[in-house]
Amino acid sequence: MGYLLLEATGPDFTRTMNLLQATTPRTL
């Protein structure tokens, strides 16, 4: 409680991070 664990998987770090940013309800 109090913390969220978010994750995403993709072909490389940059595109995976873009996917995580795009599907997260707030800006990281």
PDB file of all heavy atoms in Angstrom:
ATOM      1  N   MET A   1       0.832  -1.194   0.000  1.00  0.00           N
ATOM      2  CA  MET A   1       0.000   0.000   0.000  1.00  0.00           C
ATOM      3  C   MET A   1       0.869   1.248   0.000  1.00  0.00           C
ATOM      4  O   MET A   1       1.864   1.322   0.705  1.00  0.00           O
ATOM      5  CB  MET A   1      -0.922  -0.006   1.221  1.00  0.00           C
ATOM      6  CG  MET A   1      -1.936   1.121   1.242  1.00  0.00           C
ATOM      7  SD  MET A   1      -3.057   0.996   2.658  1.00  0.00           S
ATOM      8  CE  MET A   1      -3.905  -0.528   2.254  1.00  0.00           C
ATOM      9  N   GLY A   2       0.476   2.223  -0.813  1.00  0.00           N
ATOM     10  CA  GLY A   2       1.195   3.489  -0.847  1.00  0.00           C
ATOM     11  C   GLY A   2       2.128   3.623  -2.031  1.00  0.00           C
ATOM     12  O   GLY A   2       2.578   4.715  -2.339  1.00  0.00           O
ATOM     13  N   TYR A   3       2.447   2.507  -2.713  1.00  0.00           N
ATOM     14  CA  TYR A   3       3.353   2.555  -3.863  1.00  0.00           C
ATOM     15  C   TYR A   3       2.812   1.670  -4.981  1.00  0.00           C
ATOM     16  O   TYR A   3       2.236   0.615  -4.734  1.00  0.00           O
ATOM     17  CB  TYR A   3       4.760   2.093  -3.474  1.00  0.00           C
ATOM     18  CG  TYR A   3       5.435   3.067  -2.532  1.00  0.00           C
ATOM     19  CD1 TYR A   3       5.320   2.916  -1.157  1.00  0.00           C
ATOM     20  CD2 TYR A   3       6.159   4.155  -3.021  1.00  0.00           C
ATOM     21  CE1 TYR A   3       5.903   3.812  -0.282  1.00  0.00           C
ATOM     22  CE2 TYR A   3       6.750   5.057  -2.162  1.00  0.00           C
ATOM     23  CZ  TYR A   3       6.621   4.887  -0.796  1.00  0.00           C
ATOM     24  OH  TYR A   3       7.191   5.781   0.068  1.00  0.00           O
ATOM     25  N   LEU A   4       3.007   2.142  -6.197  1.00  0.00           N
ATOM     26  CA  LEU A   4       2.591   1.396  -7.376  1.00  0.00           C
ATOM     27  C   LEU A   4       3.811   0.850  -8.102  1.00  0.00           C
ATOM     28  O   LEU A   4       4.850   1.502  -8.168  1.00  0.00           O
ATOM     29  CB  LEU A   4       1.794   2.302  -8.327  1.00  0.00           C
ATOM     30  CG  LEU A   4       0.543   2.977  -7.763  1.00  0.00           C
ATOM     31  CD1 LEU A   4      -0.037   3.926  -8.801  1.00  0.00           C
ATOM     32  CD2 LEU A   4      -0.483   1.941  -7.349  1.00  0.00           C
ATOM     33  N   LEU A   5       3.657  -0.328  -8.658  1.00  0.00           N
ATOM     34  CA  LEU A   5       4.705  -0.942  -9.473  1.00  0.00           C
ATOM     35  C   LEU A   5       4.195  -1.019 -10.902  1.00  0.00           C
ATOM     36  O   LEU A   5       3.208  -1.713 -11.194  1.00  0.00           O
ATOM     37  CB  LEU A   5       5.039  -2.335  -8.940  1.00  0.00           C
ATOM     38  CG  LEU A   5       6.160  -3.087  -9.654  1.00  0.00           C
ATOM     39  CD1 LEU A   5       7.484  -2.332  -9.531  1.00  0.00           C
ATOM     40  CD2 LEU A   5       6.318  -4.486  -9.073  1.00  0.00           C
ATOM     41  N   LEU A   6       4.833  -0.267 -11.801  1.00  0.00           N
ATOM     42  CA  LEU A   6       4.417  -0.210 -13.194  1.00  0.00           C
ATOM     43  C   LEU A   6       5.500  -0.844 -14.058  1.00  0.00           C
ATOM     44  O   LEU A   6       6.696  -0.726 -13.759  1.00  0.00           O
ATOM     45  CB  LEU A   6       4.198   1.243 -13.629  1.00  0.00           C
ATOM     46  CG  LEU A   6       3.344   2.115 -12.692  1.00  0.00           C
ATOM     47  CD1 LEU A   6       3.337   3.554 -13.178  1.00  0.00           C
ATOM     48  CD2 LEU A   6       1.936   1.565 -12.571  1.00  0.00           C
ATOM     49  N   GLU A   7       5.109  -1.504 -15.148  1.00  0.00           N
ATOM     50  CA  GLU A   7       6.105  -2.140 -16.016  1.00  0.00           C
ATOM     51  C   GLU A   7       5.626  -2.173 -17.456  1.00  0.00           C
ATOM     52  O   GLU A   7       4.429  -2.077 -17.741  1.00  0.00           O
ATOM     53  CB  GLU A   7       6.419  -3.556 -15.531  1.00  0.00           C
ATOM     54  CG  GLU A   7       5.227  -4.490 -15.558  1.00  0.00           C
ATOM     55  CD  GLU A   7       5.625  -5.929 -15.323  1.00  0.00           C
ATOM     56  OE1 GLU A   7       6.583  -6.408 -15.976  1.00  0.00           O
ATOM     57  OE2 GLU A   7       4.978  -6.585 -14.491  1.00  0.00           O
ATOM     58  N   ALA A   8       6.602  -2.328 -18.344  1.00  0.00           N
ATOM     59  CA  ALA A   8       6.320  -2.475 -19.771  1.00  0.00           C
ATOM     60  C   ALA A   8       7.472  -3.234 -20.403  1.00  0.00           C
ATOM     61  O   ALA A   8       8.595  -3.245 -19.882  1.00  0.00           O
ATOM     62  CB  ALA A   8       6.141  -1.116 -20.442  1.00  0.00           C
ATOM     63  N   THR A   9       7.200  -3.870 -21.542  1.00  0.00           N
ATOM     64  CA  THR A   9       8.207  -4.660 -22.247  1.00  0.00           C
ATOM     65  C   THR A   9       8.223  -4.256 -23.714  1.00  0.00           C
ATOM     66  O   THR A   9       7.163  -4.054 -24.324  1.00  0.00           O
ATOM     67  CB  THR A   9       7.919  -6.168 -22.122  1.00  0.00           C
ATOM     68  OG1 THR A   9       7.870  -6.533 -20.741  1.00  0.00           O
ATOM     69  CG2 THR A   9       9.014  -6.986 -22.806  1.00  0.00           C
ATOM     70  N   GLY A  10       9.421  -4.140 -24.281  1.00  0.00           N
ATOM     71  CA  GLY A  10       9.559  -3.754 -25.678  1.00  0.00           C
ATOM     72  C   GLY A  10      10.897  -4.190 -26.243  1.00  0.00           C
ATOM     73  O   GLY A  10      11.691  -4.852 -25.569  1.00  0.00           O
ATOM     74  N   PRO A  11      11.176  -3.828 -27.494  1.00  0.00           N
ATOM     75  CA  PRO A  11      12.389  -4.308 -28.158  1.00  0.00           C
ATOM     76  C   PRO A  11      13.681  -3.719 -27.607  1.00  0.00           C
ATOM     77  O   PRO A  11      14.735  -4.346 -27.701  1.00  0.00           O
ATOM     78  CB  PRO A  11      12.181  -3.895 -29.622  1.00  0.00           C
ATOM     79  CG  PRO A  11      11.189  -2.774 -29.564  1.00  0.00           C
ATOM     80  CD  PRO A  11      10.309  -3.058 -28.406  1.00  0.00           C
ATOM     81  N   ASP A  12      13.637  -2.515 -27.056  1.00  0.00           N
ATOM     82  CA  ASP A  12      14.830  -1.903 -26.466  1.00  0.00           C
ATOM     83  C   ASP A  12      14.377  -0.916 -25.391  1.00  0.00           C
ATOM     84  O   ASP A  12      13.177  -0.693 -25.191  1.00  0.00           O
ATOM     85  CB  ASP A  12      15.698  -1.207 -27.530  1.00  0.00           C
ATOM     86  CG  ASP A  12      14.926  -0.183 -28.347  1.00  0.00           C
ATOM     87  OD1 ASP A  12      14.121   0.570 -27.759  1.00  0.00           O
ATOM     88  OD2 ASP A  12      15.119  -0.134 -29.569  1.00  0.00           O
ATOM     89  N   PHE A  13      15.348  -0.309 -24.688  1.00  0.00           N
ATOM     90  CA  PHE A  13      15.006   0.538 -23.555  1.00  0.00           C
ATOM     91  C   PHE A  13      14.194   1.753 -23.980  1.00  0.00           C
ATOM     92  O   PHE A  13      13.173   2.078 -23.357  1.00  0.00           O
ATOM     93  CB  PHE A  13      16.275   0.998 -22.835  1.00  0.00           C
ATOM     94  CG  PHE A  13      15.997   1.956 -21.702  1.00  0.00           C
ATOM     95  CD1 PHE A  13      15.553   1.488 -20.476  1.00  0.00           C
ATOM     96  CD2 PHE A  13      16.165   3.326 -21.864  1.00  0.00           C
ATOM     97  CE1 PHE A  13      15.272   2.362 -19.433  1.00  0.00           C
ATOM     98  CE2 PHE A  13      15.894   4.205 -20.824  1.00  0.00           C
ATOM     99  CZ  PHE A  13      15.449   3.719 -19.615  1.00  0.00           C
ATOM    100  N   THR A  14      14.620   2.435 -25.031  1.00  0.00           N
ATOM    101  CA  THR A  14      13.963   3.680 -25.429  1.00  0.00           C
ATOM    102  C   THR A  14      12.502   3.441 -25.813  1.00  0.00           C
ATOM    103  O   THR A  14      11.594   4.146 -25.344  1.00  0.00           O
ATOM    104  CB  THR A  14      14.714   4.325 -26.604  1.00  0.00           C
ATOM    105  OG1 THR A  14      16.057   4.614 -26.197  1.00  0.00           O
ATOM    106  CG2 THR A  14      14.038   5.619 -27.036  1.00  0.00           C
ATOM    107  N   ARG A  15      12.239   2.430 -26.643  1.00  0.00           N
ATOM    108  CA  ARG A  15      10.865   2.183 -27.071  1.00  0.00           C
ATOM    109  C   ARG A  15      10.005   1.623 -25.937  1.00  0.00           C
ATOM    110  O   ARG A  15       8.801   1.900 -25.862  1.00  0.00           O
ATOM    111  CB  ARG A  15      10.875   1.243 -28.278  1.00  0.00           C
ATOM    112  CG  ARG A  15      11.260   1.963 -29.572  1.00  0.00           C
ATOM    113  CD  ARG A  15      11.254   1.060 -30.769  1.00  0.00           C
ATOM    114  NE  ARG A  15      12.450   0.241 -30.833  1.00  0.00           N
ATOM    115  CZ  ARG A  15      12.746  -0.563 -31.865  1.00  0.00           C
ATOM    116  NH1 ARG A  15      11.917  -0.654 -32.892  1.00  0.00           N
ATOM    117  NH2 ARG A  15      13.860  -1.277 -31.853  1.00  0.00           N
ATOM    118  N   THR A  16      10.637   0.863 -25.033  1.00  0.00           N
ATOM    119  CA  THR A  16       9.885   0.376 -23.875  1.00  0.00           C
ATOM    120  C   THR A  16       9.507   1.527 -22.956  1.00  0.00           C
ATOM    121  O   THR A  16       8.380   1.595 -22.441  1.00  0.00           O
ATOM    122  CB  THR A  16      10.717  -0.662 -23.100  1.00  0.00           C
ATOM    123  OG1 THR A  16      11.097  -1.724 -23.974  1.00  0.00           O
ATOM    124  CG2 THR A  16       9.917  -1.235 -21.947  1.00  0.00           C
ATOM    125  N   MET A  17      10.438   2.453 -22.744  1.00  0.00           N
ATOM    126  CA  MET A  17      10.143   3.607 -21.908  1.00  0.00           C
ATOM    127  C   MET A  17       9.059   4.478 -22.548  1.00  0.00           C
ATOM    128  O   MET A  17       8.175   5.005 -21.841  1.00  0.00           O
ATOM    129  CB  MET A  17      11.417   4.425 -21.663  1.00  0.00           C
ATOM    130  CG  MET A  17      11.226   5.620 -20.746  1.00  0.00           C
ATOM    131  SD  MET A  17      10.539   5.195 -19.122  1.00  0.00           S
ATOM    132  CE  MET A  17      11.928   4.305 -18.407  1.00  0.00           C
ATOM    133  N   ASN A  18       9.093   4.611 -23.861  1.00  0.00           N
ATOM    134  CA  ASN A  18       8.038   5.363 -24.547  1.00  0.00           C
ATOM    135  C   ASN A  18       6.672   4.713 -24.335  1.00  0.00           C
ATOM    136  O   ASN A  18       5.666   5.398 -24.114  1.00  0.00           O
ATOM    137  CB  ASN A  18       8.338   5.456 -26.044  1.00  0.00           C
ATOM    138  CG  ASN A  18       9.495   6.393 -26.337  1.00  0.00           C
ATOM    139  OD1 ASN A  18       9.824   7.256 -25.531  1.00  0.00           O
ATOM    140  ND2 ASN A  18      10.104   6.229 -27.502  1.00  0.00           N
ATOM    141  N   LEU A  19       6.646   3.376 -24.377  1.00  0.00           N
ATOM    142  CA  LEU A  19       5.393   2.660 -24.148  1.00  0.00           C
ATOM    143  C   LEU A  19       4.908   2.875 -22.719  1.00  0.00           C
ATOM    144  O   LEU A  19       3.705   3.113 -22.483  1.00  0.00           O
ATOM    145  CB  LEU A  19       5.593   1.163 -24.419  1.00  0.00           C
ATOM    146  CG  LEU A  19       4.417   0.242 -24.060  1.00  0.00           C
ATOM    147  CD1 LEU A  19       3.184   0.596 -24.881  1.00  0.00           C
ATOM    148  CD2 LEU A  19       4.808  -1.221 -24.266  1.00  0.00           C
ATOM    149  N   LEU A  20       5.819   2.813 -21.758  1.00  0.00           N
ATOM    150  CA  LEU A  20       5.441   3.006 -20.360  1.00  0.00           C
ATOM    151  C   LEU A  20       4.906   4.415 -20.136  1.00  0.00           C
ATOM    152  O   LEU A  20       3.892   4.615 -19.454  1.00  0.00           O
ATOM    153  CB  LEU A  20       6.646   2.740 -19.458  1.00  0.00           C
ATOM    154  CG  LEU A  20       6.390   2.710 -17.947  1.00  0.00           C
ATOM    155  CD1 LEU A  20       5.404   1.611 -17.592  1.00  0.00           C
ATOM    156  CD2 LEU A  20       7.698   2.512 -17.191  1.00  0.00           C
ATOM    157  N   GLN A  21       5.587   5.402 -20.720  1.00  0.00           N
ATOM    158  CA  GLN A  21       5.124   6.787 -20.590  1.00  0.00           C
ATOM    159  C   GLN A  21       3.744   6.969 -21.218  1.00  0.00           C
ATOM    160  O   GLN A  21       2.870   7.656 -20.661  1.00  0.00           O
ATOM    161  CB  GLN A  21       6.121   7.733 -21.280  1.00  0.00           C
ATOM    162  CG  GLN A  21       7.478   7.825 -20.603  1.00  0.00           C
ATOM    163  CD  GLN A  21       7.531   8.943 -19.575  1.00  0.00           C
ATOM    164  OE1 GLN A  21       6.530   9.365 -19.022  1.00  0.00           O
ATOM    165  NE2 GLN A  21       8.737   9.420 -19.298  1.00  0.00           N
ATOM    166  N   ALA A  22       3.533   6.334 -22.368  1.00  0.00           N
ATOM    167  CA  ALA A  22       2.280   6.521 -23.101  1.00  0.00           C
ATOM    168  C   ALA A  22       1.095   5.872 -22.405  1.00  0.00           C
ATOM    169  O   ALA A  22      -0.057   6.304 -22.597  1.00  0.00           O
ATOM    170  CB  ALA A  22       2.417   5.956 -24.517  1.00  0.00           C
ATOM    171  N   THR A  23       1.335   4.858 -21.583  1.00  0.00           N
ATOM    172  CA  THR A  23       0.242   4.119 -20.950  1.00  0.00           C
ATOM    173  C   THR A  23       0.134   4.395 -19.452  1.00  0.00           C
ATOM    174  O   THR A  23      -0.625   3.722 -18.755  1.00  0.00           O
ATOM    175  CB  THR A  23       0.437   2.605 -21.171  1.00  0.00           C
ATOM    176  OG1 THR A  23       1.729   2.212 -20.672  1.00  0.00           O
ATOM    177  CG2 THR A  23       0.349   2.267 -22.644  1.00  0.00           C
ATOM    178  N   THR A  24       0.871   5.385 -18.953  1.00  0.00           N
ATOM    179  CA  THR A  24       0.807   5.757 -17.545  1.00  0.00           C
ATOM    180  C   THR A  24      -0.073   6.992 -17.413  1.00  0.00           C
ATOM    181  O   THR A  24       0.068   7.948 -18.183  1.00  0.00           O
ATOM    182  CB  THR A  24       2.223   6.056 -17.000  1.00  0.00           C
ATOM    183  OG1 THR A  24       3.035   4.888 -17.147  1.00  0.00           O
ATOM    184  CG2 THR A  24       2.177   6.448 -15.534  1.00  0.00           C
ATOM    185  N   PRO A  25      -1.003   7.019 -16.447  1.00  0.00           N
ATOM    186  CA  PRO A  25      -1.963   8.132 -16.355  1.00  0.00           C
ATOM    187  C   PRO A  25      -1.352   9.461 -15.939  1.00  0.00           C
ATOM    188  O   PRO A  25      -2.032  10.480 -15.981  1.00  0.00           O
ATOM    189  CB  PRO A  25      -2.958   7.641 -15.295  1.00  0.00           C
ATOM    190  CG  PRO A  25      -2.208   6.637 -14.488  1.00  0.00           C
ATOM    191  CD  PRO A  25      -1.279   5.980 -15.441  1.00  0.00           C
ATOM    192  N   ARG A  26      -0.104   9.471 -15.523  1.00  0.00           N
ATOM    193  CA  ARG A  26       0.585  10.703 -15.164  1.00  0.00           C
ATOM    194  C   ARG A  26       1.974  10.692 -15.801  1.00  0.00           C
ATOM    195  O   ARG A  26       2.530   9.633 -16.099  1.00  0.00           O
ATOM    196  CB  ARG A  26       0.738  10.846 -13.644  1.00  0.00           C
ATOM    197  CG  ARG A  26      -0.574  10.889 -12.865  1.00  0.00           C
ATOM    198  CD  ARG A  26      -1.311  12.203 -13.073  1.00  0.00           C
ATOM    199  NE  ARG A  26      -2.481  12.289 -12.215  1.00  0.00           N
ATOM    200  CZ  ARG A  26      -3.672  11.837 -12.518  1.00  0.00           C
ATOM    201  NH1 ARG A  26      -3.868  11.208 -13.680  1.00  0.00           N
ATOM    202  NH2 ARG A  26      -4.688  11.977 -11.687  1.00  0.00           N
ATOM    203  N   THR A  27       2.558  11.860 -15.964  1.00  0.00           N
ATOM    204  CA  THR A  27       3.913  11.960 -16.508  1.00  0.00           C
ATOM    205  C   THR A  27       4.917  11.439 -15.484  1.00  0.00           C
ATOM    206  O   THR A  27       4.857  11.789 -14.306  1.00  0.00           O
ATOM    207  CB  THR A  27       4.250  13.423 -16.854  1.00  0.00           C
ATOM    208  OG1 THR A  27       3.316  13.895 -17.828  1.00  0.00           O
ATOM    209  CG2 THR A  27       5.660  13.540 -17.402  1.00  0.00           C
ATOM    210  N   LEU A  28       5.849  10.597 -15.924  1.00  0.00           N
ATOM    211  CA  LEU A  28       6.880  10.076 -15.033  1.00  0.00           C
ATOM    212  C   LEU A  28       7.969  11.125 -14.834  1.00  0.00           C
ATOM    213  O   LEU A  28       8.511  11.675 -15.804  1.00  0.00           O
ATOM    214  CB  LEU A  28       7.488   8.800 -15.616  1.00  0.00           C
ATOM    215  CG  LEU A  28       6.552   7.590 -15.728  1.00  0.00           C
ATOM    216  CD1 LEU A  28       7.266   6.418 -16.387  1.00  0.00           C
ATOM    217  CD2 LEU A  28       6.028   7.185 -14.358  1.00  0.00           C
TER     218      LEU A  28
END
